[in-house]
C-alpha cells in the first residue's frame, strides 16, 4: 500500500502527458495486489478462510512446517519489487513518441497472478497436509485414550479381584492364626503330659525294680522254705513210720534192740522215746500215745498243705507282679512314643 501511494504521488507530479490509459496492465496489477492484500482468494474464486483462527493451528507440531512460509501480504510486494520497477526510475517518453500498446503487454500481471495463485495453492496444500497430520495425530491420541481407558477398566477389575483375594487371604490368615494358637496350647499340654509320663516312667521303673527285688526275695525265700519243708516232711514221715512201727511192736513182746537203733529212735522222736521203748508201759498209755501222735501227724499234714498252698500263692503273685511290671514298662514306652510324636 505504501508503494501504491508513492506511485500515485509520482503520477501526480508527472506532467499530464504521461497519463496511461485505463487499460494498462500496471493499474490492473495494482488492483489485483490490493484485492490480494485485502482478501486472498483461491483459484476457484472463493475466499480462503484464515487458518490462524483454527483450533489445530495452535499445536506446536505444525509450527515447524510454516517457519519459512511467507504471508500473503509479503508475496505481492516481493513480486512487485521483483517484476516492476519504481515509476521514478522509468524514463517515460513523450506521449507523441510512445508506441501503441500491444496486447502481449498484459502477460506480466497474469504471470504474477498465476505465481501468486500457485503460492496460495502451495500454502493451502501445506496447511491441508498439516491439518491432516494433526487430525491423524488427534485420531491416534483418541485411540490411545480408548486403549488407556480399556486398560484402566481391566486394571480396576483386577483390583477388585485382588481386593476379594486379599479379603479371603486375610480371613484364612485369621483362621490359621487361631489354629496356631490352639496348636500351641495342644503342644504345651502334650509337653506337660510328656513330662508327667516321664516322671511316671521313672516312678514305674523304680517300682518295677522294687517288685523285681521282692520277687527275687520271694523266690529265694520260697526255695529255702521249700527245702526246709522238704526236710521237715521227710523227718515227719520218718517219725510217723517209727511211731507206726512202735504201735505195731508195742502190742507184742518187745525185743532187745541194738544201740544204733536206740540212738536213731531217740534222735527221731526225742519226746516220746520213753513211752515207745518202755516195756512196762501199759496198753492204755500206748493207745493215748498213738492218738496223740496221730493228731500231731494230722496237724503236721494240714500245716504242710497250708505251706504248699502259700508257696503256690506266692508263685502266682510273683508271676502276676512280673506281668504287671511288663505292662507298666510297655505302657511307659507307648506314652513316650506318643509324646515324642506329638512334639515332633
C-alpha atoms as a PDB file:
ATOM      1  CA  UNK A   1       0.000   0.000   0.000  1.00  0.00           C
ATOM      2  CA  UNK A   2       2.887   2.347   0.723  1.00  0.00           C
ATOM      3  CA  UNK A   3       4.345   1.626  -2.687  1.00  0.00           C
ATOM      4  CA  UNK A   4       0.979   2.336  -4.310  1.00  0.00           C
ATOM      5  CA  UNK A   5       0.785   5.703  -2.506  1.00  0.00           C
ATOM      6  CA  UNK A   6       4.291   6.553  -3.701  1.00  0.00           C
ATOM      7  CA  UNK A   7       3.275   5.588  -7.189  1.00  0.00           C
ATOM      8  CA  UNK A   8       0.216   7.845  -7.039  1.00  0.00           C
ATOM      9  CA  UNK A   9       2.362  10.752  -5.832  1.00  0.00           C
ATOM     10  CA  UNK A  10       4.730  10.242  -8.752  1.00  0.00           C
ATOM     11  CA  UNK A  11       1.805  10.193 -11.105  1.00  0.00           C
ATOM     12  CA  UNK A  12       0.538  13.490  -9.684  1.00  0.00           C
ATOM     13  CA  UNK A  13       3.972  15.107 -10.059  1.00  0.00           C
ATOM     14  CA  UNK A  14       4.421  13.894 -13.612  1.00  0.00           C
ATOM     15  CA  UNK A  15       3.010  16.019 -16.488  1.00  0.00           C
ATOM     16  CA  UNK A  16      -0.457  15.188 -17.729  1.00  0.00           C
ATOM     17  CA  UNK A  17       1.027  13.987 -20.963  1.00  0.00           C
ATOM     18  CA  UNK A  18       2.399  10.941 -19.092  1.00  0.00           C
ATOM     19  CA  UNK A  19      -1.000   9.602 -18.115  1.00  0.00           C
ATOM     20  CA  UNK A  20      -1.529   6.000 -19.148  1.00  0.00           C
ATOM     21  CA  UNK A  21      -4.809   4.693 -20.356  1.00  0.00           C
ATOM     22  CA  UNK A  22      -7.046   2.769 -18.005  1.00  0.00           C
ATOM     23  CA  UNK A  23      -6.467  -0.478 -19.783  1.00  0.00           C
ATOM     24  CA  UNK A  24      -2.743  -0.511 -18.882  1.00  0.00           C
ATOM     25  CA  UNK A  25      -1.503  -3.660 -17.146  1.00  0.00           C
ATOM     26  CA  UNK A  26       0.083  -1.875 -14.240  1.00  0.00           C
ATOM     27  CA  UNK A  27      -3.192  -0.495 -12.955  1.00  0.00           C
ATOM     28  CA  UNK A  28      -4.717  -3.917 -13.224  1.00  0.00           C
ATOM     29  CA  UNK A  29      -1.800  -5.388 -11.292  1.00  0.00           C
ATOM     30  CA  UNK A  30      -2.124  -2.802  -8.539  1.00  0.00           C
ATOM     31  CA  UNK A  31      -5.830  -3.514  -8.303  1.00  0.00           C
ATOM     32  CA  UNK A  32      -5.040  -7.224  -8.137  1.00  0.00           C
ATOM     33  CA  UNK A  33      -2.434  -6.565  -5.472  1.00  0.00           C
ATOM     34  CA  UNK A  34      -4.923  -4.582  -3.436  1.00  0.00           C
ATOM     35  CA  UNK A  35      -7.508  -7.324  -3.786  1.00  0.00           C
ATOM     36  CA  UNK A  36      -4.943  -9.939  -2.803  1.00  0.00           C
ATOM     37  CA  UNK A  37      -3.875  -7.874   0.183  1.00  0.00           C
ATOM     38  CA  UNK A  38      -7.448  -7.313   1.357  1.00  0.00           C
ATOM     39  CA  UNK A  39      -8.967 -10.731   0.746  1.00  0.00           C
ATOM     40  CA  UNK A  40      -6.806 -13.541  -0.673  1.00  0.00           C
ATOM     41  CA  UNK A  41      -8.845 -15.768  -2.932  1.00  0.00           C
ATOM     42  CA  UNK A  42      -8.472 -19.297  -4.221  1.00  0.00           C
ATOM     43  CA  UNK A  43      -8.123 -20.136  -7.899  1.00  0.00           C
ATOM     44  CA  UNK A  44     -11.843 -21.005  -7.877  1.00  0.00           C
ATOM     45  CA  UNK A  45     -12.868 -17.521  -6.790  1.00  0.00           C
ATOM     46  CA  UNK A  46     -13.729 -18.411  -3.165  1.00  0.00           C
ATOM     47  CA  UNK A  47     -12.343 -16.560  -0.208  1.00  0.00           C
ATOM     48  CA  UNK A  48      -9.835 -18.542   1.809  1.00  0.00           C
ATOM     49  CA  UNK A  49     -10.588 -18.671   5.488  1.00  0.00           C
ATOM     50  CA  UNK A  50      -7.538 -17.753   7.538  1.00  0.00           C
ATOM     51  CA  UNK A  51      -6.132 -20.789   9.298  1.00  0.00           C
ATOM     52  CA  UNK A  52      -4.690 -18.767  12.109  1.00  0.00           C
ATOM     53  CA  UNK A  53      -8.049 -18.902  13.887  1.00  0.00           C
ATOM     54  CA  UNK A  54      -8.245 -22.694  13.542  1.00  0.00           C
ATOM     55  CA  UNK A  55      -8.009 -24.753  16.706  1.00  0.00           C
ATOM     56  CA  UNK A  56      -5.386 -27.051  15.175  1.00  0.00           C
ATOM     57  CA  UNK A  57      -3.080 -24.196  14.206  1.00  0.00           C
ATOM     58  CA  UNK A  58      -2.004 -23.662  17.817  1.00  0.00           C
ATOM     59  CA  UNK A  59      -0.358 -27.047  18.187  1.00  0.00           C
ATOM     60  CA  UNK A  60       3.431 -26.973  18.393  1.00  0.00           C
ATOM     61  CA  UNK A  61       3.808 -29.793  15.855  1.00  0.00           C
ATOM     62  CA  UNK A  62       2.632 -27.715  12.910  1.00  0.00           C
ATOM     63  CA  UNK A  63       4.627 -24.631  13.796  1.00  0.00           C
ATOM     64  CA  UNK A  64       7.828 -26.000  12.296  1.00  0.00           C
ATOM     65  CA  UNK A  65       6.106 -26.509   8.941  1.00  0.00           C
ATOM     66  CA  UNK A  66       5.332 -22.815   8.479  1.00  0.00           C
ATOM     67  CA  UNK A  67       8.698 -21.419   9.578  1.00  0.00           C
ATOM     68  CA  UNK A  68       9.841 -20.484   6.082  1.00  0.00           C
ATOM     69  CA  UNK A  69       6.424 -19.802   4.511  1.00  0.00           C
ATOM     70  CA  UNK A  70       5.619 -16.225   3.572  1.00  0.00           C
ATOM     71  CA  UNK A  71       2.400 -14.439   4.332  1.00  0.00           C
ATOM     72  CA  UNK A  72       0.094 -13.348   1.504  1.00  0.00           C
ATOM     73  CA  UNK A  73       0.829  -9.677   2.367  1.00  0.00           C
ATOM     74  CA  UNK A  74       4.526 -10.144   1.631  1.00  0.00           C
ATOM     75  CA  UNK A  75       4.184 -12.088  -1.620  1.00  0.00           C
ATOM     76  CA  UNK A  76       2.622  -9.353  -3.844  1.00  0.00           C
ATOM     77  CA  UNK A  77       5.104  -6.782  -2.575  1.00  0.00           C
ATOM     78  CA  UNK A  78       8.028  -9.098  -3.348  1.00  0.00           C
ATOM     79  CA  UNK A  79       6.524  -9.909  -6.721  1.00  0.00           C
ATOM     80  CA  UNK A  80       6.020  -6.218  -7.475  1.00  0.00           C
ATOM     81  CA  UNK A  81       9.527  -5.348  -6.365  1.00  0.00           C
ATOM     82  CA  UNK A  82      10.937  -8.197  -8.402  1.00  0.00           C
ATOM     83  CA  UNK A  83       8.890  -7.556 -11.548  1.00  0.00           C
ATOM     84  CA  UNK A  84       8.001  -3.847 -11.664  1.00  0.00           C
ATOM     85  CA  UNK A  85      10.485  -1.002 -11.217  1.00  0.00           C
ATOM     86  CA  UNK A  86       9.563   2.174  -9.432  1.00  0.00           C
ATOM     87  CA  UNK A  87       7.845   4.867 -11.523  1.00  0.00           C
ATOM     88  CA  UNK A  88      10.567   7.398 -10.730  1.00  0.00           C
ATOM     89  CA  UNK A  89      13.245   5.204 -12.261  1.00  0.00           C
ATOM     90  CA  UNK A  90      11.359   4.912 -15.512  1.00  0.00           C
ATOM     91  CA  UNK A  91      12.116   7.431 -18.289  1.00  0.00           C
ATOM     92  CA  UNK A  92       8.795   7.737 -19.930  1.00  0.00           C
ATOM     93  CA  UNK A  93       8.959   9.198 -23.449  1.00  0.00           C
ATOM     94  CA  UNK A  94       6.685  11.835 -24.659  1.00  0.00           C
ATOM     95  CA  UNK A  95       3.172  10.769 -25.448  1.00  0.00           C
ATOM     96  CA  UNK A  96       3.770  11.624 -29.033  1.00  0.00           C
ATOM     97  CA  UNK A  97       6.690   9.206 -29.224  1.00  0.00           C
ATOM     98  CA  UNK A  98       5.012   6.386 -27.287  1.00  0.00           C
ATOM     99  CA  UNK A  99       4.279   3.341 -29.341  1.00  0.00           C
ATOM    100  CA  UNK A 100       0.903   1.797 -29.316  1.00  0.00           C
ATOM    101  CA  UNK A 101       0.292  -0.768 -26.571  1.00  0.00           C
ATOM    102  CA  UNK A 102       0.152  -4.235 -27.915  1.00  0.00           C
ATOM    103  CA  UNK A 103      -1.988  -6.961 -26.328  1.00  0.00           C
ATOM    104  CA  UNK A 104       1.010  -9.056 -25.069  1.00  0.00           C
ATOM    105  CA  UNK A 105       1.712  -6.329 -22.521  1.00  0.00           C
ATOM    106  CA  UNK A 106      -0.860  -7.924 -20.151  1.00  0.00           C
ATOM    107  CA  UNK A 107       1.258 -11.067 -19.710  1.00  0.00           C
ATOM    108  CA  UNK A 108       3.103  -9.677 -16.693  1.00  0.00           C
ATOM    109  CA  UNK A 109       0.048  -9.334 -14.449  1.00  0.00           C
ATOM    110  CA  UNK A 110      -1.225 -12.759 -15.457  1.00  0.00           C
ATOM    111  CA  UNK A 111       2.131 -14.397 -14.673  1.00  0.00           C
ATOM    112  CA  UNK A 112       2.256 -12.627 -11.324  1.00  0.00           C
ATOM    113  CA  UNK A 113      -1.306 -13.674 -10.592  1.00  0.00           C
ATOM    114  CA  UNK A 114      -0.566 -17.268 -11.528  1.00  0.00           C
ATOM    115  CA  UNK A 115       2.556 -17.243  -9.354  1.00  0.00           C
ATOM    116  CA  UNK A 116       0.557 -15.752  -6.529  1.00  0.00           C
ATOM    117  CA  UNK A 117      -2.170 -18.345  -7.014  1.00  0.00           C
ATOM    118  CA  UNK A 118       0.411 -21.126  -7.086  1.00  0.00           C
ATOM    119  CA  UNK A 119       1.906 -19.794  -3.889  1.00  0.00           C
ATOM    120  CA  UNK A 120      -1.525 -19.687  -2.308  1.00  0.00           C
ATOM    121  CA  UNK A 121      -2.264 -23.206  -3.525  1.00  0.00           C
ATOM    122  CA  UNK A 122       1.063 -24.345  -2.110  1.00  0.00           C
ATOM    123  CA  UNK A 123       0.278 -22.748   1.232  1.00  0.00           C
ATOM    124  CA  UNK A 124      -3.215 -24.264   1.206  1.00  0.00           C
ATOM    125  CA  UNK A 125      -1.820 -27.702   0.369  1.00  0.00           C
ATOM    126  CA  UNK A 126       0.830 -27.368   3.088  1.00  0.00           C
ATOM    127  CA  UNK A 127      -1.748 -26.282   5.635  1.00  0.00           C
ATOM    128  CA  UNK A 128      -4.099 -29.015   4.457  1.00  0.00           C
ATOM    129  CA  UNK A 129      -1.344 -31.558   4.965  1.00  0.00           C
ATOM    130  CA  UNK A 130      -0.621 -30.069   8.370  1.00  0.00           C
ATOM    131  CA  UNK A 131      -4.302 -30.235   9.206  1.00  0.00           C
ATOM    132  CA  UNK A 132      -4.452 -33.848   8.037  1.00  0.00           C
ATOM    133  CA  UNK A 133      -1.398 -34.733  10.109  1.00  0.00           C
ATOM    134  CA  UNK A 134      -2.921 -33.015  13.112  1.00  0.00           C
ATOM    135  CA  UNK A 135      -6.178 -34.849  12.510  1.00  0.00           C
ATOM    136  CA  UNK A 136      -4.308 -38.137  12.276  1.00  0.00           C
ATOM    137  CA  UNK A 137      -2.465 -37.307  15.471  1.00  0.00           C
ATOM    138  CA  UNK A 138      -5.797 -36.433  17.064  1.00  0.00           C
ATOM    139  CA  UNK A 139      -7.262 -39.771  15.945  1.00  0.00           C
ATOM    140  CA  UNK A 140      -4.210 -41.644  17.209  1.00  0.00           C
ATOM    141  CA  UNK A 141      -4.466 -39.821  20.525  1.00  0.00           C
ATOM    142  CA  UNK A 142      -8.143 -40.741  20.733  1.00  0.00           C
ATOM    143  CA  UNK A 143      -7.244 -44.369  20.040  1.00  0.00           C
ATOM    144  CA  UNK A 144      -4.568 -44.213  22.709  1.00  0.00           C
ATOM    145  CA  UNK A 145      -7.117 -42.713  25.071  1.00  0.00           C
ATOM    146  CA  UNK A 146      -9.533 -45.559  24.344  1.00  0.00           C
ATOM    147  CA  UNK A 147      -6.769 -48.093  24.905  1.00  0.00           C
ATOM    148  CA  UNK A 148      -5.824 -46.416  28.158  1.00  0.00           C
ATOM    149  CA  UNK A 149      -9.471 -46.447  29.220  1.00  0.00           C
ATOM    150  CA  UNK A 150      -9.746 -50.156  28.470  1.00  0.00           C
ATOM    151  CA  UNK A 151      -6.511 -50.718  30.373  1.00  0.00           C
ATOM    152  CA  UNK A 152      -7.875 -48.711  33.286  1.00  0.00           C
ATOM    153  CA  UNK A 153     -11.095 -50.740  33.216  1.00  0.00           C
ATOM    154  CA  UNK A 154      -9.154 -54.012  33.188  1.00  0.00           C
ATOM    155  CA  UNK A 155      -6.920 -52.746  35.988  1.00  0.00           C
ATOM    156  CA  UNK A 156      -9.970 -51.769  38.020  1.00  0.00           C
ATOM    157  CA  UNK A 157     -11.434 -55.238  37.532  1.00  0.00           C
ATOM    158  CA  UNK A 158      -8.105 -56.739  38.517  1.00  0.00           C
ATOM    159  CA  UNK A 159      -8.012 -54.502  41.569  1.00  0.00           C
ATOM    160  CA  UNK A 160     -11.498 -55.652  42.543  1.00  0.00           C
ATOM    161  CA  UNK A 161     -10.477 -59.292  42.129  1.00  0.00           C
ATOM    162  CA  UNK A 162      -7.282 -58.653  44.094  1.00  0.00           C
ATOM    163  CA  UNK A 163      -9.294 -56.955  46.844  1.00  0.00           C
ATOM    164  CA  UNK A 164     -11.559 -60.009  47.062  1.00  0.00           C
ATOM    165  CA  UNK A 165      -8.499 -62.275  47.162  1.00  0.00           C
ATOM    166  CA  UNK A 166      -6.887 -60.091  49.822  1.00  0.00           C
ATOM    167  CA  UNK A 167     -10.034 -60.275  51.949  1.00  0.00           C
ATOM    168  CA  UNK A 168     -10.183 -64.059  51.570  1.00  0.00           C
ATOM    169  CA  UNK A 169      -6.486 -64.332  52.390  1.00  0.00           C
ATOM    170  CA  UNK A 170      -6.909 -62.190  55.496  1.00  0.00           C
ATOM    171  CA  UNK A 171      -9.778 -64.440  56.611  1.00  0.00           C
ATOM    172  CA  UNK A 172      -7.624 -67.518  56.023  1.00  0.00           C
ATOM    173  CA  UNK A 173      -4.769 -65.837  57.882  1.00  0.00           C
ATOM    174  CA  UNK A 174      -7.003 -65.193  60.887  1.00  0.00           C
ATOM    175  CA  UNK A 175      -8.237 -68.796  60.806  1.00  0.00           C
ATOM    176  CA  UNK A 176      -4.663 -70.060  60.605  1.00  0.00           C
ATOM    177  CA  UNK A 177      -3.645 -67.816  63.489  1.00  0.00           C
ATOM    178  CA  UNK A 178      -6.459 -69.241  65.624  1.00  0.00           C
ATOM    179  CA  UNK A 179      -5.379 -72.746  64.607  1.00  0.00           C
ATOM    180  CA  UNK A 180      -1.784 -71.888  65.501  1.00  0.00           C
ATOM    181  CA  UNK A 181      -2.900 -70.679  68.939  1.00  0.00           C
ATOM    182  CA  UNK A 182      -4.892 -73.879  69.516  1.00  0.00           C
ATOM    183  CA  UNK A 183      -1.962 -75.982  68.305  1.00  0.00           C
ATOM    184  CA  UNK A 184       0.385 -74.143  70.646  1.00  0.00           C
ATOM    185  CA  UNK A 185      -1.932 -74.863  73.564  1.00  0.00           C
ATOM    186  CA  UNK A 186      -2.097 -78.518  72.479  1.00  0.00           C
ATOM    187  CA  UNK A 187       1.695 -78.643  72.234  1.00  0.00           C
ATOM    188  CA  UNK A 188       2.012 -77.210  75.731  1.00  0.00           C
ATOM    189  CA  UNK A 189      -0.488 -79.756  77.045  1.00  0.00           C
ATOM    190  CA  UNK A 190       1.382 -82.552  75.273  1.00  0.00           C
ATOM    191  CA  UNK A 191       4.667 -81.338  76.722  1.00  0.00           C
ATOM    192  CA  UNK A 192       3.144 -81.366  80.184  1.00  0.00           C
ATOM    193  CA  UNK A 193       1.720 -84.852  79.592  1.00  0.00           C
ATOM    194  CA  UNK A 194       5.130 -85.938  78.288  1.00  0.00           C
ATOM    195  CA  UNK A 195       6.826 -84.657  81.417  1.00  0.00           C
ATOM    196  CA  UNK A 196       4.229 -86.398  83.562  1.00  0.00           C
ATOM    197  CA  UNK A 197       4.677 -89.590  81.545  1.00  0.00           C
ATOM    198  CA  UNK A 198       8.430 -89.375  82.006  1.00  0.00           C
ATOM    199  CA  UNK A 199       8.034 -88.885  85.739  1.00  0.00           C
ATOM    200  CA  UNK A 200       5.579 -91.768  85.816  1.00  0.00           C
ATOM    201  CA  UNK A 201       8.033 -93.877  83.849  1.00  0.00           C
ATOM    202  CA  UNK A 202      10.744 -93.085  86.361  1.00  0.00           C
ATOM    203  CA  UNK A 203       8.392 -93.962  89.211  1.00  0.00           C
ATOM    204  CA  UNK A 204       7.289 -97.113  87.415  1.00  0.00           C
ATOM    205  CA  UNK A 205      10.911 -98.030  86.819  1.00  0.00           C
ATOM    206  CA  UNK A 206      11.755 -97.677  90.476  1.00  0.00           C
ATOM    207  CA  UNK A 207       8.585 -99.564  91.403  1.00  0.00           C
ATOM    208  CA  UNK A 208       9.449-102.271  88.895  1.00  0.00           C
ATOM    209  CA  UNK A 209      12.915-102.600  90.373  1.00  0.00           C
ATOM    210  CA  UNK A 210      11.391-102.948  93.827  1.00  0.00           C
ATOM    211  CA  UNK A 211       8.919-105.516  92.535  1.00  0.00           C
ATOM    212  CA  UNK A 212      11.711-107.479  90.910  1.00  0.00           C
ATOM    213  CA  UNK A 213      13.735-107.367  94.103  1.00  0.00           C
ATOM    214  CA  UNK A 214      10.721-108.560  96.084  1.00  0.00           C
ATOM    215  CA  UNK A 215      10.075-111.307  93.533  1.00  0.00           C
ATOM    216  CA  UNK A 216      13.675-112.445  93.741  1.00  0.00           C
ATOM    217  CA  UNK A 217      13.477-112.389  97.509  1.00  0.00           C
ATOM    218  CA  UNK A 218      10.239-114.360  97.441  1.00  0.00           C
ATOM    219  CA  UNK A 219      11.722-116.858  95.038  1.00  0.00           C
ATOM    220  CA  UNK A 220      14.832-117.310  97.161  1.00  0.00           C
ATOM    221  CA  UNK A 221      12.715-117.454 100.311  1.00  0.00           C
ATOM    222  CA  UNK A 222      10.346-119.906  98.646  1.00  0.00           C
ATOM    223  CA  UNK A 223      13.267-122.095  97.625  1.00  0.00           C
ATOM    224  CA  UNK A 224      14.659-122.010 101.177  1.00  0.00           C
ATOM    225  CA  UNK A 225      11.221-122.685 102.648  1.00  0.00           C
ATOM    226  CA  UNK A 226      10.714-125.493 100.200  1.00  0.00           C
ATOM    227  CA  UNK A 227      13.970-127.075 101.222  1.00  0.00           C
ATOM    228  CA  UNK A 228      13.090-126.671 104.881  1.00  0.00           C
ATOM    229  CA  UNK A 229       9.617-128.065 104.289  1.00  0.00           C
ATOM    230  CA  UNK A 230      11.010-130.995 102.372  1.00  0.00           C
ATOM    231  CA  UNK A 231      13.445-131.730 105.162  1.00  0.00           C
ATOM    232  CA  UNK A 232      10.722-131.340 107.758  1.00  0.00           C
ATOM    233  CA  UNK A 233       8.391-133.516 105.731  1.00  0.00           C
ATOM    234  CA  UNK A 234      10.909-136.306 105.411  1.00  0.00           C
ATOM    235  CA  UNK A 235      11.607-136.023 109.100  1.00  0.00           C
ATOM    236  CA  UNK A 236       7.912-136.160 109.929  1.00  0.00           C
ATOM    237  CA  UNK A 237       7.403-139.103 107.624  1.00  0.00           C
ATOM    238  CA  UNK A 238      10.242-140.921 109.356  1.00  0.00           C
ATOM    239  CA  UNK A 239       8.712-140.153 112.717  1.00  0.00           C
ATOM    240  CA  UNK A 240       5.313-141.379 111.510  1.00  0.00           C
ATOM    241  CA  UNK A 241       6.871-144.623 110.292  1.00  0.00           C
ATOM    242  CA  UNK A 242       8.676-145.062 113.565  1.00  0.00           C
ATOM    243  CA  UNK A 243       5.511-144.397 115.515  1.00  0.00           C
ATOM    244  CA  UNK A 244       3.562-146.860 113.414  1.00  0.00           C
ATOM    245  CA  UNK A 245       6.273-149.436 113.927  1.00  0.00           C
ATOM    246  CA  UNK A 246       6.209-148.657 117.634  1.00  0.00           C
ATOM    247  CA  UNK A 247       2.471-149.105 117.670  1.00  0.00           C
ATOM    248  CA  UNK A 248       2.794-152.450 115.936  1.00  0.00           C
ATOM    249  CA  UNK A 249       5.628-153.668 118.131  1.00  0.00           C
ATOM    250  CA  UNK A 250       4.120-152.253 121.318  1.00  0.00           C
ATOM    251  CA  UNK A 251       1.399-154.872 121.398  1.00  0.00           C
ATOM    252  CA  UNK A 252       3.921-157.691 121.116  1.00  0.00           C
ATOM    253  CA  UNK A 253       6.802-158.523 123.410  1.00  0.00           C
ATOM    254  CA  UNK A 254       9.452-156.038 122.899  1.00  0.00           C
ATOM    255  CA  UNK A 255      12.693-157.464 121.652  1.00  0.00           C
ATOM    256  CA  UNK A 256      16.010-156.043 122.648  1.00  0.00           C
ATOM    257  CA  UNK A 257      17.463-153.565 120.143  1.00  0.00           C
ATOM    258  CA  UNK A 258      20.901-152.594 119.291  1.00  0.00           C
ATOM    259  CA  UNK A 259      22.448-149.348 120.412  1.00  0.00           C
ATOM    260  CA  UNK A 260      22.295-147.812 116.895  1.00  0.00           C
ATOM    261  CA  UNK A 261      18.578-148.394 116.588  1.00  0.00           C
ATOM    262  CA  UNK A 262      18.015-146.925 120.011  1.00  0.00           C
ATOM    263  CA  UNK A 263      20.031-143.814 119.118  1.00  0.00           C
ATOM    264  CA  UNK A 264      18.129-143.413 115.802  1.00  0.00           C
ATOM    265  CA  UNK A 265      14.774-143.753 117.510  1.00  0.00           C
ATOM    266  CA  UNK A 266      15.924-141.354 120.199  1.00  0.00           C
ATOM    267  CA  UNK A 267      17.057-138.750 117.643  1.00  0.00           C
ATOM    268  CA  UNK A 268      13.865-139.062 115.536  1.00  0.00           C
ATOM    269  CA  UNK A 269      11.370-138.871 118.359  1.00  0.00           C
ATOM    270  CA  UNK A 270      13.037-137.276 121.332  1.00  0.00           C
ATOM    271  CA  UNK A 271       9.814-136.505 123.116  1.00  0.00           C
ATOM    272  CA  UNK A 272       8.221-139.923 123.110  1.00  0.00           C
ATOM    273  CA  UNK A 273      11.171-142.305 123.288  1.00  0.00           C
ATOM    274  CA  UNK A 274      10.477-143.272 126.834  1.00  0.00           C
ATOM    275  CA  UNK A 275       6.927-144.166 126.053  1.00  0.00           C
ATOM    276  CA  UNK A 276       7.762-146.169 122.934  1.00  0.00           C
ATOM    277  CA  UNK A 277      10.545-148.328 124.372  1.00  0.00           C
ATOM    278  CA  UNK A 278       9.453-148.954 127.906  1.00  0.00           C
ATOM    279  CA  UNK A 279       8.088-152.486 128.045  1.00  0.00           C
ATOM    280  CA  UNK A 280       6.470-151.805 131.354  1.00  0.00           C
ATOM    281  CA  UNK A 281       4.145-149.140 129.972  1.00  0.00           C
ATOM    282  CA  UNK A 282       0.559-150.287 129.998  1.00  0.00           C
ATOM    283  CA  UNK A 283      -1.532-150.633 126.843  1.00  0.00           C
ATOM    284  CA  UNK A 284      -3.804-147.665 127.716  1.00  0.00           C
ATOM    285  CA  UNK A 285      -0.847-145.338 127.812  1.00  0.00           C
ATOM    286  CA  UNK A 286       0.340-146.665 124.441  1.00  0.00           C
ATOM    287  CA  UNK A 287      -3.113-146.036 122.923  1.00  0.00           C
ATOM    288  CA  UNK A 288      -3.044-142.495 124.229  1.00  0.00           C
ATOM    289  CA  UNK A 289       0.380-142.010 122.754  1.00  0.00           C
ATOM    290  CA  UNK A 290      -0.821-143.309 119.404  1.00  0.00           C
ATOM    291  CA  UNK A 291      -3.758-140.942 119.452  1.00  0.00           C
ATOM    292  CA  UNK A 292      -1.520-138.012 120.291  1.00  0.00           C
ATOM    293  CA  UNK A 293       0.863-138.972 117.517  1.00  0.00           C
ATOM    294  CA  UNK A 294      -1.956-139.329 115.021  1.00  0.00           C
ATOM    295  CA  UNK A 295      -3.294-135.889 115.983  1.00  0.00           C
ATOM    296  CA  UNK A 296       0.180-134.448 115.578  1.00  0.00           C
ATOM    297  CA  UNK A 297       0.554-136.134 112.191  1.00  0.00           C
ATOM    298  CA  UNK A 298      -2.760-134.648 111.037  1.00  0.00           C
ATOM    299  CA  UNK A 299      -1.727-131.261 112.287  1.00  0.00           C
ATOM    300  CA  UNK A 300       1.615-131.502 110.523  1.00  0.00           C
ATOM    301  CA  UNK A 301      -0.074-132.624 107.313  1.00  0.00           C
ATOM    302  CA  UNK A 302      -2.501-129.687 107.443  1.00  0.00           C
ATOM    303  CA  UNK A 303       0.402-127.348 108.097  1.00  0.00           C
ATOM    304  CA  UNK A 304       2.282-128.836 105.165  1.00  0.00           C
ATOM    305  CA  UNK A 305      -0.733-128.327 102.926  1.00  0.00           C
ATOM    306  CA  UNK A 306      -1.133-124.716 104.063  1.00  0.00           C
ATOM    307  CA  UNK A 307       2.555-124.120 103.457  1.00  0.00           C
ATOM    308  CA  UNK A 308       2.323-125.664  99.995  1.00  0.00           C
ATOM    309  CA  UNK A 309      -0.751-123.544  99.170  1.00  0.00           C
ATOM    310  CA  UNK A 310       1.097-120.455 100.438  1.00  0.00           C
ATOM    311  CA  UNK A 311       4.065-121.327  98.221  1.00  0.00           C
ATOM    312  CA  UNK A 312       1.795-121.740  95.197  1.00  0.00           C
ATOM    313  CA  UNK A 313       0.055-118.468  96.013  1.00  0.00           C
ATOM    314  CA  UNK A 314       3.396-116.694  96.304  1.00  0.00           C
ATOM    315  CA  UNK A 315       4.439-118.096  92.963  1.00  0.00           C
ATOM    316  CA  UNK A 316       1.230-116.912  91.362  1.00  0.00           C
ATOM    317  CA  UNK A 317       1.637-113.487  92.966  1.00  0.00           C
ATOM    318  CA  UNK A 318       5.218-113.210  91.740  1.00  0.00           C
ATOM    319  CA  UNK A 319       4.102-114.137  88.211  1.00  0.00           C
ATOM    320  CA  UNK A 320       1.282-111.581  88.332  1.00  0.00           C
ATOM    321  CA  UNK A 321       3.724-108.957  89.656  1.00  0.00           C
ATOM    322  CA  UNK A 322       6.116-109.664  86.777  1.00  0.00           C
ATOM    323  CA  UNK A 323       3.262-109.395  84.256  1.00  0.00           C
ATOM    324  CA  UNK A 324       2.135-106.096  85.797  1.00  0.00           C
ATOM    325  CA  UNK A 325       5.685-104.761  85.663  1.00  0.00           C
ATOM    326  CA  UNK A 326       5.980-105.703  81.996  1.00  0.00           C
ATOM    327  CA  UNK A 327       2.670-103.995  81.267  1.00  0.00           C
ATOM    328  CA  UNK A 328       3.867-100.890  83.064  1.00  0.00           C
ATOM    329  CA  UNK A 329       7.066-100.861  81.011  1.00  0.00           C
ATOM    330  CA  UNK A 330       5.113-101.304  77.763  1.00  0.00           C
ATOM    331  CA  UNK A 331       2.640 -98.545  78.661  1.00  0.00           C
ATOM    332  CA  UNK A 332       5.534 -96.250  79.567  1.00  0.00           C
ATOM    333  CA  UNK A 333       7.167 -96.915  76.190  1.00  0.00           C
ATOM    334  CA  UNK A 334       3.896 -96.200  74.381  1.00  0.00           C
ATOM    335  CA  UNK A 335       3.419 -92.942  76.277  1.00  0.00           C
ATOM    336  CA  UNK A 336       6.955 -91.847  75.492  1.00  0.00           C
ATOM    337  CA  UNK A 337       6.460 -92.645  71.784  1.00  0.00           C
ATOM    338  CA  UNK A 338       3.208 -90.670  71.681  1.00  0.00           C
ATOM    339  CA  UNK A 339       4.844 -87.705  73.415  1.00  0.00           C
ATOM    340  CA  UNK A 340       7.818 -87.697  71.034  1.00  0.00           C
ATOM    341  CA  UNK A 341       5.486 -87.928  68.021  1.00  0.00           C
ATOM    342  CA  UNK A 342       3.388 -85.033  69.292  1.00  0.00           C
ATOM    343  CA  UNK A 343       6.392 -82.826  69.985  1.00  0.00           C
ATOM    344  CA  UNK A 344       7.902 -83.721  66.604  1.00  0.00           C
END
